[in-house]
Protein backbone atom coordinates (compact mmCIF):
# COMPACT_ATOMS: atom_id res chain seq x y z
CA MET A 1 53.14 122.47 84.71
CA LEU A 2 54.68 122.07 88.19
CA GLY A 3 53.17 125.05 89.96
CA ARG A 4 49.56 124.13 89.52
CA LEU A 5 49.86 121.02 91.67
CA PHE A 6 50.46 122.89 94.88
CA ILE A 7 48.57 126.12 94.52
CA PRO A 8 44.80 126.28 94.92
CA PHE A 9 43.25 128.09 91.97
CA PHE A 10 41.87 130.80 94.25
CA PHE A 11 45.27 131.54 95.79
CA ALA A 12 46.19 134.01 93.07
CA THR A 13 43.09 136.06 93.80
CA LEU A 14 44.05 136.29 97.46
CA CYS A 15 47.64 137.45 96.91
CA MET A 16 47.60 140.94 95.47
CA GLY A 17 50.68 142.56 97.03
CA SER A 18 54.35 142.72 96.14
CA GLY A 19 55.50 140.69 99.16
CA VAL A 20 58.31 141.61 101.54
CA ALA A 21 60.32 139.99 104.34
CA TRP A 22 58.50 141.24 107.42
CA ALA A 23 60.54 141.91 110.60
CA GLU A 24 57.46 142.16 112.86
CA PRO A 25 54.66 139.59 113.28
CA LEU A 26 52.04 139.84 110.59
CA HIS A 27 48.49 140.50 111.76
CA PRO A 28 45.47 139.20 109.83
CA SER A 29 43.73 141.67 107.57
CA GLY A 30 40.76 139.43 106.85
CA ALA A 31 38.88 136.37 108.07
CA TRP A 32 39.81 132.79 107.31
CA ASP A 33 38.40 131.60 103.98
CA LEU A 34 37.64 127.87 104.13
CA ASN A 35 37.36 126.71 100.54
CA TYR A 36 35.58 123.41 99.84
CA GLU A 37 36.75 122.26 96.42
CA GLU A 38 36.14 119.08 94.46
CA THR A 39 39.65 117.72 94.98
CA GLN A 40 41.05 119.54 98.00
CA CYS A 41 40.27 121.37 101.24
CA VAL A 42 42.04 124.70 101.82
CA ALA A 43 41.85 127.40 104.48
CA ALA A 44 43.45 130.75 103.60
CA ARG A 45 43.87 134.13 105.25
CA LYS A 46 45.39 137.46 104.24
CA TYR A 47 47.97 139.16 106.43
CA GLY A 48 49.62 142.58 106.62
CA ASN A 49 48.61 145.59 104.59
CA PRO A 50 45.33 144.81 102.79
CA ALA A 51 46.72 146.58 99.73
CA ASP A 52 49.93 144.54 99.88
CA PRO A 53 49.07 141.26 101.61
CA VAL A 54 50.85 138.04 102.31
CA THR A 55 48.54 135.01 102.21
CA LEU A 56 48.84 132.04 104.52
CA ALA A 57 47.04 128.89 103.37
CA ILE A 58 46.67 125.41 104.85
CA ARG A 59 45.73 122.42 102.75
CA GLN A 60 44.88 119.01 104.21
CA SER A 61 45.50 115.87 102.16
CA PRO A 62 42.39 113.82 101.28
CA ASN A 63 43.47 111.00 103.60
CA GLY A 64 44.12 113.51 106.40
CA GLU A 65 47.68 112.33 107.07
CA THR A 66 49.65 115.36 105.88
CA TYR A 67 49.22 119.11 105.49
CA GLU A 68 50.75 121.71 103.24
CA ILE A 69 51.42 125.19 104.53
CA LEU A 70 51.54 127.71 101.69
CA VAL A 71 52.83 131.27 101.91
CA GLY A 72 52.31 133.48 98.87
CA TRP A 73 52.48 137.02 97.63
CA LYS A 74 52.28 138.87 94.37
CA HIS A 75 54.97 137.79 91.88
CA ARG A 76 58.08 139.93 92.21
CA VAL A 77 61.07 137.87 91.06
CA SER A 78 61.57 135.28 88.33
CA GLU A 79 63.44 132.26 89.65
CA PRO A 80 63.46 128.62 88.61
CA LEU A 81 61.75 126.00 90.73
CA THR A 82 63.83 125.84 93.90
CA GLU A 83 64.03 123.80 97.09
CA GLU A 84 65.00 125.64 100.25
CA ASP A 85 66.03 124.52 103.73
CA SER A 86 63.34 125.77 106.09
CA THR A 87 61.47 125.28 109.34
CA VAL A 88 57.98 125.99 110.62
CA ASP A 89 57.39 126.59 114.32
CA PHE A 90 54.09 126.73 116.23
CA GLY A 91 55.88 127.61 119.46
CA ASN A 92 57.05 124.14 120.45
CA GLY A 93 60.29 124.19 118.50
CA PRO A 94 61.18 124.21 114.81
CA ILE A 95 59.85 121.51 112.49
CA THR A 96 62.18 120.84 109.56
CA ALA A 97 60.32 121.10 106.27
CA LEU A 98 62.19 121.36 102.98
CA ALA A 99 60.32 124.12 101.14
CA LEU A 100 59.46 124.24 97.47
CA PHE A 101 59.55 127.73 95.98
CA TYR A 102 57.85 128.37 92.65
CA GLU A 103 55.94 130.95 90.71
CA THR A 104 52.53 130.19 89.27
CA ALA A 105 52.25 129.47 85.57
CA ALA A 106 50.73 132.89 84.93
CA LYS A 107 53.59 134.50 86.90
CA THR A 108 51.14 136.26 89.22
CA VAL A 109 52.10 134.74 92.58
CA ASP A 110 55.30 133.56 94.28
CA VAL A 111 54.74 130.62 96.64
CA HIS A 112 56.65 128.78 99.34
CA SER A 113 55.16 125.34 100.10
CA PHE A 114 55.94 123.27 103.21
CA ARG A 115 54.66 119.74 103.89
CA ILE A 116 54.31 118.53 107.49
CA SER A 117 52.64 115.57 109.17
CA ALA A 118 49.21 115.63 110.76
CA ALA A 119 50.91 115.09 114.14
CA ASP A 120 53.02 118.22 113.64
CA MET A 121 50.02 120.18 112.40
CA ALA A 122 48.14 119.30 115.59
CA GLN A 123 50.39 121.80 117.39
CA ALA A 124 48.59 124.59 115.54
CA ARG A 125 45.39 123.94 117.51
CA SER A 126 46.75 125.75 120.58
CA ALA A 127 49.32 127.96 118.85
CA SER A 128 49.13 131.75 118.92
CA ARG A 129 51.77 132.25 116.23
CA LEU A 130 53.42 130.48 113.32
CA ALA A 131 57.04 131.28 112.50
CA VAL A 132 58.37 130.33 109.07
CA ARG A 133 62.12 130.41 108.53
CA ILE A 134 63.46 130.00 105.00
CA SER A 135 67.23 129.77 104.53
CA GLY A 136 68.49 132.63 102.37
CA SER A 137 65.01 134.06 101.96
CA ALA A 138 62.16 135.48 104.04
CA ASP A 139 61.53 134.92 107.75
CA LEU A 140 57.85 135.44 108.52
CA THR A 141 55.75 135.25 111.67
CA PHE A 142 51.96 135.05 111.52
CA ASP A 143 49.59 135.78 114.38
CA LEU A 144 47.13 132.90 114.54
CA ALA A 145 43.54 132.85 115.76
CA SER A 146 40.56 130.50 115.61
CA MET A 147 42.82 127.56 114.80
CA PRO A 148 40.63 124.89 116.46
CA GLN A 149 37.74 125.99 114.25
CA VAL A 150 39.98 126.13 111.16
CA LEU A 151 41.34 122.62 111.72
CA GLU A 152 37.88 121.25 112.50
CA GLY A 153 36.56 122.87 109.34
CA LEU A 154 39.33 121.29 107.29
CA GLN A 155 38.65 117.91 108.89
CA THR A 156 34.94 118.14 108.10
CA CYS A 157 35.78 119.09 104.53
CA THR A 158 38.18 116.16 104.26
CA GLU A 159 35.56 113.70 105.54
CA ASN A 160 33.18 115.01 102.87
CA LEU A 161 35.95 114.66 100.29
CA LYS A 162 36.51 111.03 101.25
CA GLN A 163 32.80 110.36 100.83
CA TYR A 164 32.63 112.20 97.51
CA TRP A 165 35.52 110.18 96.08
CA ASN A 166 34.27 106.87 97.54
CA MET A 167 37.53 106.41 99.42
CA SER A 168 36.09 103.47 101.36
CA GLY A 169 33.86 102.38 98.49
CA GLU A 170 35.34 98.90 98.14
CA LYS A 171 34.69 98.22 101.83
CA ASP A 172 31.12 99.52 102.00
CA GLY A 173 29.98 98.20 98.61
CA ARG A 174 29.72 101.49 96.71
CA VAL A 175 32.60 100.31 94.50
CA THR A 176 32.56 96.71 93.29
CA THR A 177 35.19 97.00 90.55
CA PRO A 178 38.21 99.22 91.35
CA ALA A 179 39.77 101.59 88.87
CA ARG A 180 42.60 100.03 86.90
CA GLY A 181 45.58 101.49 85.08
CA ASP A 182 49.27 100.97 84.43
CA LEU A 183 51.62 103.81 85.39
CA ARG A 184 54.83 102.11 84.29
CA SER A 185 54.72 103.35 80.72
CA ILE A 186 54.05 107.03 81.43
CA PHE A 187 57.47 107.86 82.90
CA SER A 188 60.74 108.28 81.02
CA SER A 189 64.32 109.21 81.90
CA ASP A 190 63.71 112.64 80.35
CA ASP A 191 61.26 113.39 83.18
CA TYR A 192 63.96 113.56 85.86
CA PRO A 193 63.84 117.15 87.16
CA ARG A 194 67.02 119.08 86.44
CA LEU A 195 67.00 120.51 89.96
CA ALA A 196 66.98 116.99 91.43
CA LEU A 197 69.79 115.92 89.09
CA ARG A 198 71.92 118.88 90.16
CA ARG A 199 71.31 118.11 93.84
CA GLY A 200 71.79 114.37 93.45
CA GLN A 201 68.32 113.65 94.78
CA ALA A 202 66.62 110.28 94.51
CA GLY A 203 63.92 108.43 96.41
CA ALA A 204 60.68 106.45 96.34
CA GLY A 205 57.27 108.11 96.54
CA GLN A 206 53.72 106.84 96.79
CA TYR A 207 50.60 108.82 95.89
CA LEU A 208 46.86 108.89 96.41
CA LEU A 209 45.00 109.51 93.15
CA LEU A 210 41.47 110.82 92.75
CA VAL A 211 40.07 109.14 89.63
CA ASP A 212 36.81 110.45 88.17
CA GLU A 213 34.05 108.61 86.31
CA THR A 214 35.88 108.94 82.98
CA GLY A 215 39.16 107.50 84.28
CA LYS A 216 40.90 110.87 84.42
CA VAL A 217 43.17 111.62 87.40
CA ALA A 218 41.56 114.70 88.93
CA GLY A 219 43.92 114.97 91.89
CA CYS A 220 47.19 113.61 93.23
CA GLN A 221 48.38 113.78 96.84
CA VAL A 222 51.57 112.56 98.49
CA LEU A 223 51.22 109.52 100.76
CA LEU A 224 54.89 108.61 101.02
CA ALA A 225 57.23 111.51 100.29
CA THR A 226 60.52 110.96 98.49
CA GLY A 227 62.20 113.57 100.68
CA ALA A 228 62.62 115.86 97.67
CA PRO A 229 59.52 117.99 96.99
CA VAL A 230 60.50 118.53 93.37
CA LEU A 231 60.38 114.76 92.73
CA ASP A 232 56.93 114.42 94.31
CA THR A 233 55.71 117.41 92.36
CA MET A 234 56.98 116.00 89.08
CA ALA A 235 55.50 112.57 89.81
CA CYS A 236 52.03 114.03 90.44
CA SER A 237 52.30 116.31 87.42
CA ILE A 238 53.16 113.40 85.11
CA ILE A 239 50.41 111.20 86.53
CA GLU A 240 47.76 113.90 86.21
CA ASP A 241 48.83 114.78 82.67
CA ARG A 242 49.42 111.31 81.23
CA ALA A 243 47.73 108.58 83.25
CA LYS A 244 44.45 107.10 82.09
CA PHE A 245 42.45 104.60 84.12
CA THR A 246 39.54 102.34 83.43
CA PRO A 247 37.11 103.90 85.92
CA ALA A 248 35.75 102.09 88.94
CA ARG A 249 32.21 100.74 88.77
CA ASP A 250 29.41 100.26 91.26
CA ARG A 251 27.23 97.19 91.74
CA ASN A 252 25.10 98.24 88.75
CA GLY A 253 28.13 98.54 86.47
CA LYS A 254 27.97 102.34 86.43
CA PRO A 255 31.31 104.23 86.36
CA VAL A 256 31.94 106.02 89.66
CA ARG A 257 34.56 108.22 91.31
CA SER A 258 37.23 106.37 93.28
CA THR A 259 40.71 106.57 94.74
CA VAL A 260 43.84 104.68 93.75
CA VAL A 261 47.01 104.24 95.79
CA THR A 262 49.98 103.99 93.45
CA PRO A 263 52.80 101.52 93.82
CA ARG A 264 56.04 103.11 94.94
CA ILE A 265 57.48 105.28 92.18
CA ILE A 266 61.26 105.17 92.36
CA TRP A 267 63.47 108.01 91.19
CA SER A 268 67.00 106.66 90.78
CA LEU A 269 70.15 108.34 89.50
CA GLY A 270 71.42 104.96 88.31
CA ARG A 271 74.71 105.13 90.09
């Protein structure tokens, strides 16, 4: 349930190798693939041996304020969902980014996911390399190219995504009645992730929801991170699986797509 929130569905088709910790910089083995999806914008590129690639992917949040950097390779080890101390570096110094490691539900791909701010991601525009350092795991360096075009492509995609989901619909009149729903009843104490309990993690998160014409939550993105990726992942997973909204409506009373910003969702250990 957790893995599917972070990984684009096409990611598994891009990662076909066994994956190794590379000592030398990885060179691209293919062009950037900018994928325009209904709920997300992702750019991905294969690196290393084409028969045994590592895939680097960048996903921009629908509101454009954060990015996820995803590094994946063919599944090679079964481990529980894990958080790892890590940094990403575009050449201007390391950026601390607690990584979430997981395997996809089908156990085909192992993924490390890092969330950074749009301000930090702006460094990539002029960067020639990206270094990823993961405590106790792989250290990888990727040669970068065409990053201005990649970031501009993601930005264009994100602007289209905002339009598609009527993100400013209440301001411009496309949405006259906002989507409504109550998230308080969908969470329980049993939902607290065991990893977060073991690590004593707590925090408050806030999320941007993409709500379709039927009231279903089609996408969930972090607006305010708790500081513990596993908590944000669980929150989005629960909301997508359990939440049901009365859909937004336009001036003619027709149900339409819309976005909802959640109240702060607080994970507390009760101590």
